[in-house]
Protein backbone atom coordinates (compact mmCIF):
# COMPACT_ATOMS: atom_id res chain seq x y z
CA UNK A 1 0.00 0.00 0.00
CA UNK A 2 1.37 3.42 -0.97
CA UNK A 3 2.09 5.65 2.05
CA UNK A 4 -0.31 8.54 2.63
CA UNK A 5 1.09 11.83 1.32
CA UNK A 6 0.62 13.35 4.79
CA UNK A 7 -1.33 12.94 8.03
CA UNK A 8 -3.51 16.02 8.40
CA UNK A 9 -4.01 17.81 11.71
CA UNK A 10 -6.52 20.59 12.39
CA UNK A 11 -3.70 22.72 13.77
CA UNK A 12 -2.40 23.12 10.19
CA UNK A 13 -5.22 25.59 9.57
CA UNK A 14 -4.78 29.30 10.22
CA UNK A 15 -2.68 32.05 8.72
CA UNK A 16 0.00 31.79 11.42
CA UNK A 17 0.30 27.97 11.35
CA UNK A 18 3.80 27.99 9.85
CA UNK A 19 5.13 30.31 12.55
CA UNK A 20 3.31 28.42 15.30
CA UNK A 21 4.38 24.94 14.22
CA UNK A 22 7.76 25.40 12.56
CA UNK A 23 9.39 28.39 14.25
CA UNK A 24 7.93 28.90 17.73
CA UNK A 25 8.87 25.50 19.29
CA UNK A 26 12.48 25.23 20.54
CA UNK A 27 14.72 23.37 18.08
CA UNK A 28 15.13 19.65 18.78
CA UNK A 29 18.74 18.48 18.20
CA UNK A 30 19.61 15.40 16.18
CA UNK A 31 20.16 12.21 18.13
CA UNK A 32 23.68 10.83 18.54
CA UNK A 33 23.67 7.70 16.35
CA UNK A 34 27.43 7.12 16.24
CA UNK A 35 26.87 3.84 18.13
CA UNK A 36 24.68 2.61 15.27
CA UNK A 37 27.46 2.86 12.71
CA UNK A 38 29.71 0.72 14.92
CA UNK A 39 27.33 -2.23 14.73
CA UNK A 40 29.24 -3.58 11.72
CA UNK A 41 32.46 -3.57 13.76
CA UNK A 42 31.31 -5.30 16.91
CA UNK A 43 28.25 -6.95 18.33
CA UNK A 44 29.14 -5.26 21.63
CA UNK A 45 28.12 -1.82 20.42
CA UNK A 46 25.12 -0.88 22.54
CA UNK A 47 22.28 1.49 21.67
CA UNK A 48 22.68 4.91 23.21
CA UNK A 49 19.19 5.54 24.50
CA UNK A 50 18.03 9.09 23.77
CA UNK A 51 14.36 9.59 24.38
CA UNK A 52 12.06 12.29 23.13
CA UNK A 53 9.60 13.75 25.59
CA UNK A 54 5.94 13.43 24.68
CA UNK A 55 5.91 17.15 23.84
CA UNK A 56 9.00 16.88 21.61
CA UNK A 57 7.57 13.83 19.84
CA UNK A 58 4.34 15.71 19.13
CA UNK A 59 6.24 18.73 17.82
CA UNK A 60 8.33 16.62 15.45
CA UNK A 61 5.39 14.67 14.03
CA UNK A 62 3.34 17.82 13.52
CA UNK A 63 6.30 19.53 11.81
CA UNK A 64 6.92 16.46 9.64
CA UNK A 65 3.33 16.21 8.47
CA UNK A 66 2.89 19.95 8.13
CA UNK A 67 5.88 19.98 5.78
CA UNK A 68 4.42 17.05 3.81
CA UNK A 69 1.07 18.85 3.67
CA UNK A 70 2.70 22.05 2.38
CA UNK A 71 4.70 20.11 -0.22
CA UNK A 72 1.54 18.36 -1.40
CA UNK A 73 -0.28 21.70 -1.79
CA UNK A 74 2.61 23.64 -3.33
CA UNK A 75 2.07 24.84 -6.88
CA UNK A 76 5.63 25.89 -7.65
CA UNK A 77 8.34 23.20 -7.95
CA UNK A 78 10.80 25.20 -5.87
CA UNK A 79 8.36 25.53 -2.99
CA UNK A 80 7.46 21.84 -3.22
CA UNK A 81 11.12 20.83 -3.12
CA UNK A 82 11.75 23.12 -0.16
CA UNK A 83 8.96 21.53 1.92
CA UNK A 84 9.91 18.02 0.83
CA UNK A 85 13.43 18.65 2.13
CA UNK A 86 12.04 19.90 5.44
CA UNK A 87 9.82 16.80 5.72
CA UNK A 88 12.73 14.44 5.05
CA UNK A 89 14.83 16.21 7.67
CA UNK A 90 12.10 15.90 10.32
CA UNK A 91 11.54 12.25 9.45
CA UNK A 92 15.26 11.57 9.80
CA UNK A 93 15.26 13.11 13.29
CA UNK A 94 12.35 10.89 14.38
CA UNK A 95 13.96 7.76 12.92
CA UNK A 96 17.32 8.47 14.57
CA UNK A 97 15.72 8.82 18.00
CA UNK A 98 14.01 5.44 17.52
CA UNK A 99 16.87 3.35 16.04
CA UNK A 100 17.67 2.01 19.50
CA UNK A 101 14.12 0.65 19.71
CA UNK A 102 14.79 -1.61 16.72
CA UNK A 103 18.27 -2.70 17.77
CA UNK A 104 17.32 -3.44 21.36
CA UNK A 105 14.53 -5.76 20.20
CA UNK A 106 16.78 -8.00 18.09
CA UNK A 107 20.51 -7.56 18.78
CA UNK A 108 20.69 -9.51 22.06
CA UNK A 109 19.12 -12.62 20.55
CA UNK A 110 21.03 -13.41 17.36
CA UNK A 111 24.68 -12.57 17.94
CA UNK A 112 25.65 -15.99 16.65
CA UNK A 113 24.27 -15.29 13.20
CA UNK A 114 25.61 -12.09 11.61
CA UNK A 115 23.75 -12.62 8.35
CA UNK A 116 20.41 -12.98 10.12
CA UNK A 117 21.14 -9.94 12.32
CA UNK A 118 21.74 -7.73 9.29
CA UNK A 119 18.64 -9.00 7.48
CA UNK A 120 16.38 -8.42 10.45
CA UNK A 121 17.93 -5.06 11.31
CA UNK A 122 17.58 -3.69 7.78
CA UNK A 123 14.00 -4.83 7.29
CA UNK A 124 12.90 -3.76 10.75
CA UNK A 125 14.40 -0.32 10.10
CA UNK A 126 12.17 -0.15 7.03
CA UNK A 127 9.23 -0.99 9.27
CA UNK A 128 10.28 1.85 11.56
CA UNK A 129 10.33 4.32 8.65
CA UNK A 130 6.93 3.06 7.49
CA UNK A 131 5.56 3.57 11.00
CA UNK A 132 6.81 7.18 10.99
CA UNK A 133 5.00 7.80 7.71
CA UNK A 134 1.70 6.43 9.00
CA UNK A 135 1.67 7.56 12.64
CA UNK A 136 -1.23 9.81 13.63
CA UNK A 137 0.01 11.86 16.55
CA UNK A 138 -3.39 13.42 17.27
CA UNK A 139 -4.71 10.02 18.40
CA UNK A 140 -2.68 10.32 21.57
CA UNK A 141 -0.64 7.11 21.23
CA UNK A 142 3.05 6.87 22.03
CA UNK A 143 5.00 6.34 18.84
CA UNK A 144 7.17 3.59 20.36
CA UNK A 145 4.06 1.57 21.19
CA UNK A 146 2.69 2.01 17.68
CA UNK A 147 6.01 1.12 16.00
CA UNK A 148 6.73 -1.81 18.31
CA UNK A 149 3.82 -3.78 16.83
CA UNK A 150 5.20 -3.77 13.29
CA UNK A 151 8.82 -4.27 14.33
CA UNK A 152 8.01 -7.22 16.58
CA UNK A 153 5.87 -8.83 13.89
CA UNK A 154 8.61 -8.40 11.29
CA UNK A 155 11.37 -9.75 13.57
CA UNK A 156 9.39 -12.89 14.38
CA UNK A 157 8.49 -13.50 10.73
CA UNK A 158 12.10 -13.09 9.55
CA UNK A 159 13.42 -15.39 12.25
CA UNK A 160 10.92 -18.02 11.21
CA UNK A 161 12.10 -17.74 7.60
CA UNK A 162 15.77 -18.11 8.48
CA UNK A 163 16.06 -21.86 8.18
CA UNK A 164 14.13 -21.99 4.91
CA UNK A 165 16.26 -19.20 3.42
CA UNK A 166 19.45 -21.04 4.36
CA UNK A 167 18.42 -24.08 2.35
CA UNK A 168 17.11 -22.05 -0.60
CA UNK A 169 20.49 -20.35 -1.01
CA UNK A 170 22.29 -23.64 -1.55
CA UNK A 171 23.04 -24.91 -5.11
CA UNK A 172 20.41 -27.09 -6.79
CA UNK A 173 22.75 -30.10 -6.75
CA UNK A 174 23.66 -29.61 -3.10
CA UNK A 175 23.69 -32.73 -0.96
CA UNK A 176 23.95 -32.55 2.85
CA UNK A 177 25.80 -35.85 2.77
CA UNK A 178 28.75 -34.16 1.00
CA UNK A 179 28.84 -31.00 3.12
CA UNK A 180 30.57 -31.40 6.50
CA UNK A 181 29.18 -28.01 7.65
CA UNK A 182 25.56 -28.73 6.72
CA UNK A 183 24.51 -29.85 10.17
CA UNK A 184 26.17 -26.86 11.85
CA UNK A 185 24.64 -24.42 9.32
CA UNK A 186 21.18 -25.81 9.94
CA UNK A 187 21.67 -25.78 13.69
CA UNK A 188 22.83 -22.13 13.65
CA UNK A 189 19.72 -21.02 11.76
CA UNK A 190 17.44 -22.98 14.06
CA UNK A 191 19.26 -21.70 17.17
CA UNK A 192 19.03 -18.06 16.03
CA UNK A 193 15.32 -18.37 15.33
CA UNK A 194 14.70 -20.18 18.59
CA UNK A 195 16.70 -17.62 20.58
CA UNK A 196 14.69 -14.70 19.20
CA UNK A 197 11.36 -16.42 19.74
CA UNK A 198 12.38 -17.44 23.27
CA UNK A 199 13.52 -13.91 24.12
CA UNK A 200 10.18 -12.52 22.97
CA UNK A 201 8.25 -15.16 24.92
CA UNK A 202 10.35 -14.50 28.03
CA UNK A 203 9.67 -10.77 27.78
CA UNK A 204 5.96 -11.41 27.31
CA UNK A 205 6.01 -13.60 30.42
CA UNK A 206 7.66 -10.81 32.45
CA UNK A 207 5.29 -8.14 31.20
CA UNK A 208 2.48 -8.97 33.65
CA UNK A 209 -0.14 -9.22 30.91
CA UNK A 210 -3.72 -10.06 31.68
CA UNK A 211 -5.04 -13.34 30.31
CA UNK A 212 -6.84 -11.54 27.46
CA UNK A 213 -3.77 -9.44 26.59
CA UNK A 214 -1.57 -12.57 26.51
CA UNK A 215 -4.00 -14.39 24.24
CA UNK A 216 -4.15 -11.42 21.88
CA UNK A 217 -0.33 -11.18 21.66
CA UNK A 218 0.03 -14.93 21.17
CA UNK A 219 -2.53 -14.93 18.37
CA UNK A 220 -1.15 -11.81 16.68
CA UNK A 221 2.59 -12.51 16.83
CA UNK A 222 3.72 -15.78 18.39
CA UNK A 223 1.42 -18.58 17.31
CA UNK A 224 1.40 -20.03 13.82
CA UNK A 225 -0.41 -19.04 11.72
CA UNK A 226 -0.74 -15.48 13.04
CA UNK A 227 -4.17 -13.89 13.08
CA UNK A 228 -5.49 -10.48 12.07
CA UNK A 229 -7.07 -8.19 14.66
CA UNK A 230 -10.47 -9.02 13.21
CA UNK A 231 -9.81 -12.74 13.54
CA UNK A 232 -8.54 -12.32 17.10
CA UNK A 233 -11.62 -10.36 18.09
CA UNK A 234 -13.94 -12.92 16.52
CA UNK A 235 -12.19 -15.81 18.28
CA UNK A 236 -12.36 -14.09 21.67
CA UNK A 237 -15.84 -12.66 21.31
CA UNK A 238 -15.26 -8.93 20.85
CA UNK A 239 -14.72 -6.39 18.08
CA UNK A 240 -11.63 -5.72 15.97
CA UNK A 241 -11.25 -2.32 17.69
CA UNK A 242 -11.38 -3.91 21.14
CA UNK A 243 -8.72 -6.40 20.04
CA UNK A 244 -6.57 -3.48 18.89
CA UNK A 245 -6.98 -1.77 22.28
CA UNK A 246 -5.87 -4.92 24.11
CA UNK A 247 -2.90 -5.18 21.75
CA UNK A 248 -1.82 -1.58 22.42
CA UNK A 249 -2.04 -2.07 26.19
CA UNK A 250 -0.08 -5.32 25.97
CA UNK A 251 2.65 -3.84 23.78
CA UNK A 252 3.07 -0.97 26.26
CA UNK A 253 3.77 -3.54 28.99
CA UNK A 254 6.06 -5.60 26.74
CA UNK A 255 8.10 -2.52 25.80
CA UNK A 256 8.53 -1.63 29.46
CA UNK A 257 9.65 -5.17 30.26
CA UNK A 258 12.11 -5.42 27.33
């Protein structure tokens, strides 16, 4: 699905909206992401947690979407390019502050498999960017809770694909009987997948979820096959929206326990 061109907010209206949204709030500095670029050098590089306040997060998302809104409405190419550049800059700030969220969810579980780490990290970063594009700040959610859902889902799915991908990358005439490393290669993929799944299950167990919250998380992310929110609601006897509310509450607890 193509991302929305912008997420509109009523505060965009008014003749002084640009001054009020883009110039009046104090500038928010870029996050220090030097630790992120050391991940290729060592698995011991740890995320440097830098958190936005709720007010700062709201400012950034409003500025990001206001810039997208202005770019979408601009008639002159120069004005459109100017606002597109502002939007990309604001999006980059949001992403940088949330890179640690992605890394902390996967890096501790798959250190024995560099290839799998890189695959999951790259694709989960794409999920993070997608979440930034779709987040509706006026709904009052915390962005980390909203993004955690997609990142967790993606990490589990990629871990479950790891063993299959390992075998698909082998030559067509490959025979395990002639490869002395075959058993170790298979075991590494299985171990990496199992470690990630176990870490997630352990965190869920520590998160003090209610019975309903646990069943929603199991159905949405951990059991196979996974279920949609509509399917979860139907199976438990309530609406899709109620299932979503239980999921949001559960993910808040899981994030705190991670």
